[in-house]
Amino acid sequence: MKISRQDYDRLPFAIREGALRLWGTQLSSCFSSGQFRRLYSFSNFFAEMRYDEHHLISIRTFSTTAGLEPYIEDITWQDFLN
């Protein structure tokens, strides 16, 4: 599915969630700042789903690599050895 980041951000929350689950490619996940996060590649941008203890609380999109920092910081050499 191809959609611009701006058009995606204008969609209702439930549609954005469903689109990520159906057509997004999950790249990584991490726990940071008390929240569980899942990183997706979608169309030509990244999307991050954030969860509290029980529910999805937000979806954030970005197109620069600066948004990848929490995931990069979570990587250890042990991840590559397993």
PDB file of N, CA and C in Angstrom:
ATOM      1  N   MET A   1       0.843  -1.172   0.000  1.00  0.00           N
ATOM      2  CA  MET A   1       0.000   0.000   0.000  1.00  0.00           C
ATOM      3  C   MET A   1       0.891   1.239   0.000  1.00  0.00           C
ATOM      4  N   LYS A   2       0.615   2.170  -0.853  1.00  0.00           N
ATOM      5  CA  LYS A   2       1.363   3.428  -0.923  1.00  0.00           C
ATOM      6  C   LYS A   2       0.460   4.575  -0.493  1.00  0.00           C
ATOM      7  N   ILE A   3       0.961   5.373   0.438  1.00  0.00           N
ATOM      8  CA  ILE A   3       0.240   6.544   0.920  1.00  0.00           C
ATOM      9  C   ILE A   3       1.286   7.531   1.431  1.00  0.00           C
ATOM     10  N   SER A   4       1.029   8.799   1.276  1.00  0.00           N
ATOM     11  CA  SER A   4       1.977   9.784   1.794  1.00  0.00           C
ATOM     12  C   SER A   4       1.856   9.850   3.317  1.00  0.00           C
ATOM     13  N   ARG A   5       2.914  10.282   3.940  1.00  0.00           N
ATOM     14  CA  ARG A   5       2.904  10.417   5.398  1.00  0.00           C
ATOM     15  C   ARG A   5       1.828  11.405   5.838  1.00  0.00           C
ATOM     16  N   GLN A   6       1.665  12.487   5.114  1.00  0.00           N
ATOM     17  CA  GLN A   6       0.673  13.499   5.466  1.00  0.00           C
ATOM     18  C   GLN A   6      -0.746  12.934   5.371  1.00  0.00           C
ATOM     19  N   ASP A   7      -1.035  12.175   4.315  1.00  0.00           N
ATOM     20  CA  ASP A   7      -2.361  11.567   4.178  1.00  0.00           C
ATOM     21  C   ASP A   7      -2.601  10.521   5.265  1.00  0.00           C
ATOM     22  N   TYR A   8      -1.575   9.731   5.571  1.00  0.00           N
ATOM     23  CA  TYR A   8      -1.693   8.721   6.619  1.00  0.00           C
ATOM     24  C   TYR A   8      -2.009   9.383   7.964  1.00  0.00           C
ATOM     25  N   ASP A   9      -1.296  10.462   8.283  1.00  0.00           N
ATOM     26  CA  ASP A   9      -1.498  11.142   9.571  1.00  0.00           C
ATOM     27  C   ASP A   9      -2.897  11.734   9.718  1.00  0.00           C
ATOM     28  N   ARG A  10      -3.584  11.966   8.616  1.00  0.00           N
ATOM     29  CA  ARG A  10      -4.944  12.526   8.669  1.00  0.00           C
ATOM     30  C   ARG A  10      -6.020  11.453   8.859  1.00  0.00           C
ATOM     31  N   LEU A  11      -5.657  10.192   8.732  1.00  0.00           N
ATOM     32  CA  LEU A  11      -6.637   9.110   8.888  1.00  0.00           C
ATOM     33  C   LEU A  11      -7.036   8.947  10.356  1.00  0.00           C
ATOM     34  N   PRO A  12      -8.233   8.394  10.605  1.00  0.00           N
ATOM     35  CA  PRO A  12      -8.634   8.099  11.989  1.00  0.00           C
ATOM     36  C   PRO A  12      -7.664   7.098  12.637  1.00  0.00           C
ATOM     37  N   PHE A  13      -7.543   7.185  13.941  1.00  0.00           N
ATOM     38  CA  PHE A  13      -6.593   6.368  14.701  1.00  0.00           C
ATOM     39  C   PHE A  13      -6.745   4.872  14.405  1.00  0.00           C
ATOM     40  N   ALA A  14      -7.967   4.356  14.433  1.00  0.00           N
ATOM     41  CA  ALA A  14      -8.193   2.921  14.220  1.00  0.00           C
ATOM     42  C   ALA A  14      -7.771   2.486  12.817  1.00  0.00           C
ATOM     43  N   ILE A  15      -7.957   3.324  11.824  1.00  0.00           N
ATOM     44  CA  ILE A  15      -7.552   2.991  10.447  1.00  0.00           C
ATOM     45  C   ILE A  15      -6.026   2.976  10.353  1.00  0.00           C
ATOM     46  N   ARG A  16      -5.368   3.940  10.999  1.00  0.00           N
ATOM     47  CA  ARG A  16      -3.897   3.956  10.996  1.00  0.00           C
ATOM     48  C   ARG A  16      -3.347   2.696  11.663  1.00  0.00           C
ATOM     49  N   GLU A  17      -3.952   2.298  12.780  1.00  0.00           N
ATOM     50  CA  GLU A  17      -3.515   1.079  13.463  1.00  0.00           C
ATOM     51  C   GLU A  17      -3.685  -0.133  12.554  1.00  0.00           C
ATOM     52  N   GLY A  18      -4.846  -0.271  11.948  1.00  0.00           N
ATOM     53  CA  GLY A  18      -5.102  -1.410  11.067  1.00  0.00           C
ATOM     54  C   GLY A  18      -4.179  -1.445   9.865  1.00  0.00           C
ATOM     55  N   ALA A  19      -3.911  -0.293   9.278  1.00  0.00           N
ATOM     56  CA  ALA A  19      -3.018  -0.234   8.116  1.00  0.00           C
ATOM     57  C   ALA A  19      -1.614  -0.697   8.489  1.00  0.00           C
ATOM     58  N   LEU A  20      -1.130  -0.286   9.649  1.00  0.00           N
ATOM     59  CA  LEU A  20       0.200  -0.731  10.077  1.00  0.00           C
ATOM     60  C   LEU A  20       0.237  -2.233  10.292  1.00  0.00           C
ATOM     61  N   ARG A  21      -0.794  -2.767  10.924  1.00  0.00           N
ATOM     62  CA  ARG A  21      -0.827  -4.209  11.184  1.00  0.00           C
ATOM     63  C   ARG A  21      -0.937  -5.017   9.891  1.00  0.00           C
ATOM     64  N   LEU A  22      -1.686  -4.499   8.920  1.00  0.00           N
ATOM     65  CA  LEU A  22      -1.879  -5.232   7.663  1.00  0.00           C
ATOM     66  C   LEU A  22      -0.733  -5.061   6.676  1.00  0.00           C
ATOM     67  N   TRP A  23      -0.276  -3.841   6.485  1.00  0.00           N
ATOM     68  CA  TRP A  23       0.672  -3.556   5.407  1.00  0.00           C
ATOM     69  C   TRP A  23       2.034  -3.076   5.875  1.00  0.00           C
ATOM     70  N   GLY A  24       2.175  -2.761   7.151  1.00  0.00           N
ATOM     71  CA  GLY A  24       3.471  -2.308   7.660  1.00  0.00           C
ATOM     72  C   GLY A  24       4.405  -3.482   7.899  1.00  0.00           C
ATOM     73  N   THR A  25       5.687  -3.206   7.894  1.00  0.00           N
ATOM     74  CA  THR A  25       6.704  -4.207   8.194  1.00  0.00           C
ATOM     75  C   THR A  25       7.308  -3.867   9.549  1.00  0.00           C
ATOM     76  N   GLN A  26       7.085  -4.751  10.530  1.00  0.00           N
ATOM     77  CA  GLN A  26       7.645  -4.483  11.853  1.00  0.00           C
ATOM     78  C   GLN A  26       9.150  -4.682  11.797  1.00  0.00           C
ATOM     79  N   LEU A  27       9.882  -3.661  12.217  1.00  0.00           N
ATOM     80  CA  LEU A  27      11.340  -3.689  12.178  1.00  0.00           C
ATOM     81  C   LEU A  27      11.959  -4.026  13.524  1.00  0.00           C
ATOM     82  N   SER A  28      11.358  -3.530  14.596  1.00  0.00           N
ATOM     83  CA  SER A  28      11.952  -3.715  15.914  1.00  0.00           C
ATOM     84  C   SER A  28      10.936  -3.361  16.986  1.00  0.00           C
ATOM     85  N   SER A  29      11.315  -3.634  18.217  1.00  0.00           N
ATOM     86  CA  SER A  29      10.522  -3.196  19.364  1.00  0.00           C
ATOM     87  C   SER A  29      11.486  -2.912  20.508  1.00  0.00           C
ATOM     88  N   CYS A  30      11.046  -2.097  21.439  1.00  0.00           N
ATOM     89  CA  CYS A  30      11.876  -1.791  22.607  1.00  0.00           C
ATOM     90  C   CYS A  30      10.990  -1.279  23.732  1.00  0.00           C
ATOM     91  N   PHE A  31      11.566  -1.236  24.914  1.00  0.00           N
ATOM     92  CA  PHE A  31      10.898  -0.663  26.076  1.00  0.00           C
ATOM     93  C   PHE A  31      11.694   0.564  26.475  1.00  0.00           C
ATOM     94  N   SER A  32      11.052   1.729  26.463  1.00  0.00           N
ATOM     95  CA  SER A  32      11.745   2.982  26.749  1.00  0.00           C
ATOM     96  C   SER A  32      10.783   3.959  27.409  1.00  0.00           C
ATOM     97  N   SER A  33      11.263   4.669  28.406  1.00  0.00           N
ATOM     98  CA  SER A  33      10.470   5.689  29.113  1.00  0.00           C
ATOM     99  C   SER A  33       9.151   5.137  29.642  1.00  0.00           C
ATOM    100  N   GLY A  34       9.164   3.896  30.105  1.00  0.00           N
ATOM    101  CA  GLY A  34       7.973   3.287  30.673  1.00  0.00           C
ATOM    102  C   GLY A  34       6.938   2.843  29.668  1.00  0.00           C
ATOM    103  N   GLN A  35       7.296   2.838  28.388  1.00  0.00           N
ATOM    104  CA  GLN A  35       6.357   2.436  27.342  1.00  0.00           C
ATOM    105  C   GLN A  35       6.987   1.374  26.446  1.00  0.00           C
ATOM    106  N   PHE A  36       6.150   0.440  26.000  1.00  0.00           N
ATOM    107  CA  PHE A  36       6.577  -0.529  24.999  1.00  0.00           C
ATOM    108  C   PHE A  36       6.360   0.108  23.635  1.00  0.00           C
ATOM    109  N   ARG A  37       7.338   0.006  22.751  1.00  0.00           N
ATOM    110  CA  ARG A  37       7.260   0.635  21.431  1.00  0.00           C
ATOM    111  C   ARG A  37       7.517  -0.393  20.338  1.00  0.00           C
ATOM    112  N   ARG A  38       6.788  -0.264  19.248  1.00  0.00           N
ATOM    113  CA  ARG A  38       7.012  -1.088  18.056  1.00  0.00           C
ATOM    114  C   ARG A  38       7.294  -0.172  16.880  1.00  0.00           C
ATOM    115  N   LEU A  39       8.353  -0.483  16.158  1.00  0.00           N
ATOM    116  CA  LEU A  39       8.761   0.316  15.010  1.00  0.00           C
ATOM    117  C   LEU A  39       8.374  -0.399  13.723  1.00  0.00           C
ATOM    118  N   TYR A  40       7.731   0.337  12.823  1.00  0.00           N
ATOM    119  CA  TYR A  40       7.308  -0.199  11.534  1.00  0.00           C
ATOM    120  C   TYR A  40       7.874   0.641  10.398  1.00  0.00           C
ATOM    121  N   SER A  41       8.111  -0.016   9.283  1.00  0.00           N
ATOM    122  CA  SER A  41       8.362   0.676   8.023  1.00  0.00           C
ATOM    123  C   SER A  41       7.052   0.606   7.255  1.00  0.00           C
ATOM    124  N   PHE A  42       6.613   1.751   6.746  1.00  0.00           N
ATOM    125  CA  PHE A  42       5.322   1.791   6.068  1.00  0.00           C
ATOM    126  C   PHE A  42       5.400   2.798   4.937  1.00  0.00           C
ATOM    127  N   SER A  43       5.125   2.356   3.732  1.00  0.00           N
ATOM    128  CA  SER A  43       5.196   3.209   2.553  1.00  0.00           C
ATOM    129  C   SER A  43       6.606   3.785   2.473  1.00  0.00           C
ATOM    130  N   ASN A  44       6.793   5.077   2.618  1.00  0.00           N
ATOM    131  CA  ASN A  44       8.139   5.664   2.542  1.00  0.00           C
ATOM    132  C   ASN A  44       8.496   6.411   3.830  1.00  0.00           C
ATOM    133  N   PHE A  45       7.987   5.925   4.966  1.00  0.00           N
ATOM    134  CA  PHE A  45       8.267   6.548   6.259  1.00  0.00           C
ATOM    135  C   PHE A  45       8.233   5.486   7.351  1.00  0.00           C
ATOM    136  N   PHE A  46       8.603   5.881   8.550  1.00  0.00           N
ATOM    137  CA  PHE A  46       8.550   5.005   9.717  1.00  0.00           C
ATOM    138  C   PHE A  46       7.334   5.367  10.557  1.00  0.00           C
ATOM    139  N   ALA A  47       6.813   4.383  11.267  1.00  0.00           N
ATOM    140  CA  ALA A  47       5.715   4.614  12.206  1.00  0.00           C
ATOM    141  C   ALA A  47       6.039   3.865  13.492  1.00  0.00           C
ATOM    142  N   GLU A  48       5.696   4.487  14.598  1.00  0.00           N
ATOM    143  CA  GLU A  48       5.956   3.896  15.900  1.00  0.00           C
ATOM    144  C   GLU A  48       4.652   3.804  16.675  1.00  0.00           C
ATOM    145  N   MET A  49       4.335   2.595  17.131  1.00  0.00           N
ATOM    146  CA  MET A  49       3.168   2.388  17.979  1.00  0.00           C
ATOM    147  C   MET A  49       3.665   2.327  19.421  1.00  0.00           C
ATOM    148  N   ARG A  50       3.041   3.106  20.304  1.00  0.00           N
ATOM    149  CA  ARG A  50       3.420   3.127  21.719  1.00  0.00           C
ATOM    150  C   ARG A  50       2.282   2.561  22.563  1.00  0.00           C
ATOM    151  N   TYR A  51       2.667   1.731  23.531  1.00  0.00           N
ATOM    152  CA  TYR A  51       1.700   1.066  24.405  1.00  0.00           C
ATOM    153  C   TYR A  51       1.994   1.406  25.859  1.00  0.00           C
ATOM    154  N   ASP A  52       0.923   1.542  26.661  1.00  0.00           N
ATOM    155  CA  ASP A  52       1.117   1.576  28.105  1.00  0.00           C
ATOM    156  C   ASP A  52       1.065   0.122  28.568  1.00  0.00           C
ATOM    157  N   GLU A  53       0.706  -0.137  29.795  1.00  0.00           N
ATOM    158  CA  GLU A  53       0.687  -1.515  30.288  1.00  0.00           C
ATOM    159  C   GLU A  53      -0.298  -2.410  29.537  1.00  0.00           C
ATOM    160  N   HIS A  54      -1.372  -1.824  28.985  1.00  0.00           N
ATOM    161  CA  HIS A  54      -2.430  -2.653  28.417  1.00  0.00           C
ATOM    162  C   HIS A  54      -2.902  -2.255  27.025  1.00  0.00           C
ATOM    163  N   HIS A  55      -2.709  -1.006  26.613  1.00  0.00           N
ATOM    164  CA  HIS A  55      -3.352  -0.531  25.388  1.00  0.00           C
ATOM    165  C   HIS A  55      -2.407   0.277  24.504  1.00  0.00           C
ATOM    166  N   LEU A  56      -2.739   0.302  23.232  1.00  0.00           N
ATOM    167  CA  LEU A  56      -2.069   1.199  22.298  1.00  0.00           C
ATOM    168  C   LEU A  56      -2.488   2.624  22.644  1.00  0.00           C
ATOM    169  N   ILE A  57      -1.511   3.508  22.853  1.00  0.00           N
ATOM    170  CA  ILE A  57      -1.856   4.872  23.260  1.00  0.00           C
ATOM    171  C   ILE A  57      -1.531   5.917  22.198  1.00  0.00           C
ATOM    172  N   SER A  58      -0.615   5.597  21.273  1.00  0.00           N
ATOM    173  CA  SER A  58      -0.309   6.583  20.234  1.00  0.00           C
ATOM    174  C   SER A  58       0.389   5.943  19.048  1.00  0.00           C
ATOM    175  N   ILE A  59       0.291   6.625  17.926  1.00  0.00           N
ATOM    176  CA  ILE A  59       1.031   6.261  16.722  1.00  0.00           C
ATOM    177  C   ILE A  59       1.721   7.531  16.248  1.00  0.00           C
ATOM    178  N   ARG A  60       3.026   7.438  16.095  1.00  0.00           N
ATOM    179  CA  ARG A  60       3.826   8.587  15.668  1.00  0.00           C
ATOM    180  C   ARG A  60       4.526   8.220  14.371  1.00  0.00           C
ATOM    181  N   THR A  61       4.570   9.136  13.424  1.00  0.00           N
ATOM    182  CA  THR A  61       5.274   8.890  12.166  1.00  0.00           C
ATOM    183  C   THR A  61       6.459   9.836  12.051  1.00  0.00           C
ATOM    184  N   PHE A  62       7.476   9.379  11.328  1.00  0.00           N
ATOM    185  CA  PHE A  62       8.651  10.210  11.076  1.00  0.00           C
ATOM    186  C   PHE A  62       9.380   9.672   9.854  1.00  0.00           C
ATOM    187  N   SER A  63      10.189  10.508   9.258  1.00  0.00           N
ATOM    188  CA  SER A  63      10.902  10.095   8.048  1.00  0.00           C
ATOM    189  C   SER A  63      12.411  10.255   8.167  1.00  0.00           C
ATOM    190  N   THR A  64      12.895  10.719   9.319  1.00  0.00           N
ATOM    191  CA  THR A  64      14.337  10.854   9.511  1.00  0.00           C
ATOM    192  C   THR A  64      14.843   9.770  10.453  1.00  0.00           C
ATOM    193  N   THR A  65      16.121   9.499  10.381  1.00  0.00           N
ATOM    194  CA  THR A  65      16.694   8.443  11.215  1.00  0.00           C
ATOM    195  C   THR A  65      16.818   8.846  12.683  1.00  0.00           C
ATOM    196  N   ALA A  66      16.633  10.103  13.017  1.00  0.00           N
ATOM    197  CA  ALA A  66      16.704  10.535  14.418  1.00  0.00           C
ATOM    198  C   ALA A  66      15.670   9.806  15.275  1.00  0.00           C
ATOM    199  N   GLY A  67      14.531   9.453  14.704  1.00  0.00           N
ATOM    200  CA  GLY A  67      13.497   8.732  15.436  1.00  0.00           C
ATOM    201  C   GLY A  67      13.862   7.294  15.754  1.00  0.00           C
ATOM    202  N   LEU A  68      14.956   6.807  15.164  1.00  0.00           N
ATOM    203  CA  LEU A  68      15.385   5.429  15.399  1.00  0.00           C
ATOM    204  C   LEU A  68      16.258   5.281  16.646  1.00  0.00           C
ATOM    205  N   GLU A  69      16.646   6.390  17.256  1.00  0.00           N
ATOM    206  CA  GLU A  69      17.590   6.356  18.379  1.00  0.00           C
ATOM    207  C   GLU A  69      17.197   5.422  19.518  1.00  0.00           C
ATOM    208  N   PRO A  70      15.934   5.403  19.995  1.00  0.00           N
ATOM    209  CA  PRO A  70      15.607   4.478  21.094  1.00  0.00           C
ATOM    210  C   PRO A  70      15.841   3.010  20.717  1.00  0.00           C
ATOM    211  N   TYR A  71      15.668   2.675  19.460  1.00  0.00           N
ATOM    212  CA  TYR A  71      15.855   1.295  19.016  1.00  0.00           C
ATOM    213  C   TYR A  71      17.335   0.962  18.884  1.00  0.00           C
ATOM    214  N   ILE A  72      18.114   1.909  18.382  1.00  0.00           N
ATOM    215  CA  ILE A  72      19.553   1.698  18.235  1.00  0.00           C
ATOM    216  C   ILE A  72      20.208   1.591  19.606  1.00  0.00           C
ATOM    217  N   GLU A  73      19.789   2.432  20.541  1.00  0.00           N
ATOM    218  CA  GLU A  73      20.344   2.393  21.896  1.00  0.00           C
ATOM    219  C   GLU A  73      20.026   1.082  22.598  1.00  0.00           C
ATOM    220  N   ASP A  74      18.956   0.420  22.215  1.00  0.00           N
ATOM    221  CA  ASP A  74      18.521  -0.827  22.842  1.00  0.00           C
ATOM    222  C   ASP A  74      19.279  -2.045  22.306  1.00  0.00           C
ATOM    223  N   ILE A  75      20.008  -1.894  21.212  1.00  0.00           N
ATOM    224  CA  ILE A  75      20.732  -3.010  20.594  1.00  0.00           C
ATOM    225  C   ILE A  75      22.012  -3.288  21.374  1.00  0.00           C
ATOM    226  N   THR A  76      22.266  -4.564  21.625  1.00  0.00           N
ATOM    227  CA  THR A  76      23.519  -4.989  22.243  1.00  0.00           C
ATOM    228  C   THR A  76      24.212  -5.961  21.297  1.00  0.00           C
ATOM    229  N   TRP A  77      25.492  -6.163  21.492  1.00  0.00           N
ATOM    230  CA  TRP A  77      26.224  -7.119  20.654  1.00  0.00           C
ATOM    231  C   TRP A  77      25.649  -8.517  20.796  1.00  0.00           C
ATOM    232  N   GLN A  78      25.097  -8.824  21.946  1.00  0.00           N
ATOM    233  CA  GLN A  78      24.505 -10.146  22.162  1.00  0.00           C
ATOM    234  C   GLN A  78      23.368 -10.399  21.175  1.00  0.00           C
ATOM    235  N   ASP A  79      22.655  -9.347  20.771  1.00  0.00           N
ATOM    236  CA  ASP A  79      21.571  -9.493  19.801  1.00  0.00           C
ATOM    237  C   ASP A  79      22.082 -10.047  18.479  1.00  0.00           C
ATOM    238  N   PHE A  80      23.306  -9.705  18.113  1.00  0.00           N
ATOM    239  CA  PHE A  80      23.867 -10.158  16.845  1.00  0.00           C
ATOM    240  C   PHE A  80      24.473 -11.548  16.938  1.00  0.00           C
ATOM    241  N   LEU A  81      24.803 -11.983  18.141  1.00  0.00           N
ATOM    242  CA  LEU A  81      25.443 -13.278  18.328  1.00  0.00           C
ATOM    243  C   LEU A  81      24.443 -14.415  18.442  1.00  0.00           C
ATOM    244  N   ASN A  82      23.211 -14.123  18.738  1.00  0.00           N
ATOM    245  CA  ASN A  82      22.188 -15.176  18.892  1.00  0.00           C
ATOM    246  C   ASN A  82      21.567 -15.540  17.582  1.00  0.00           C
TER     247      ASN A  82
END
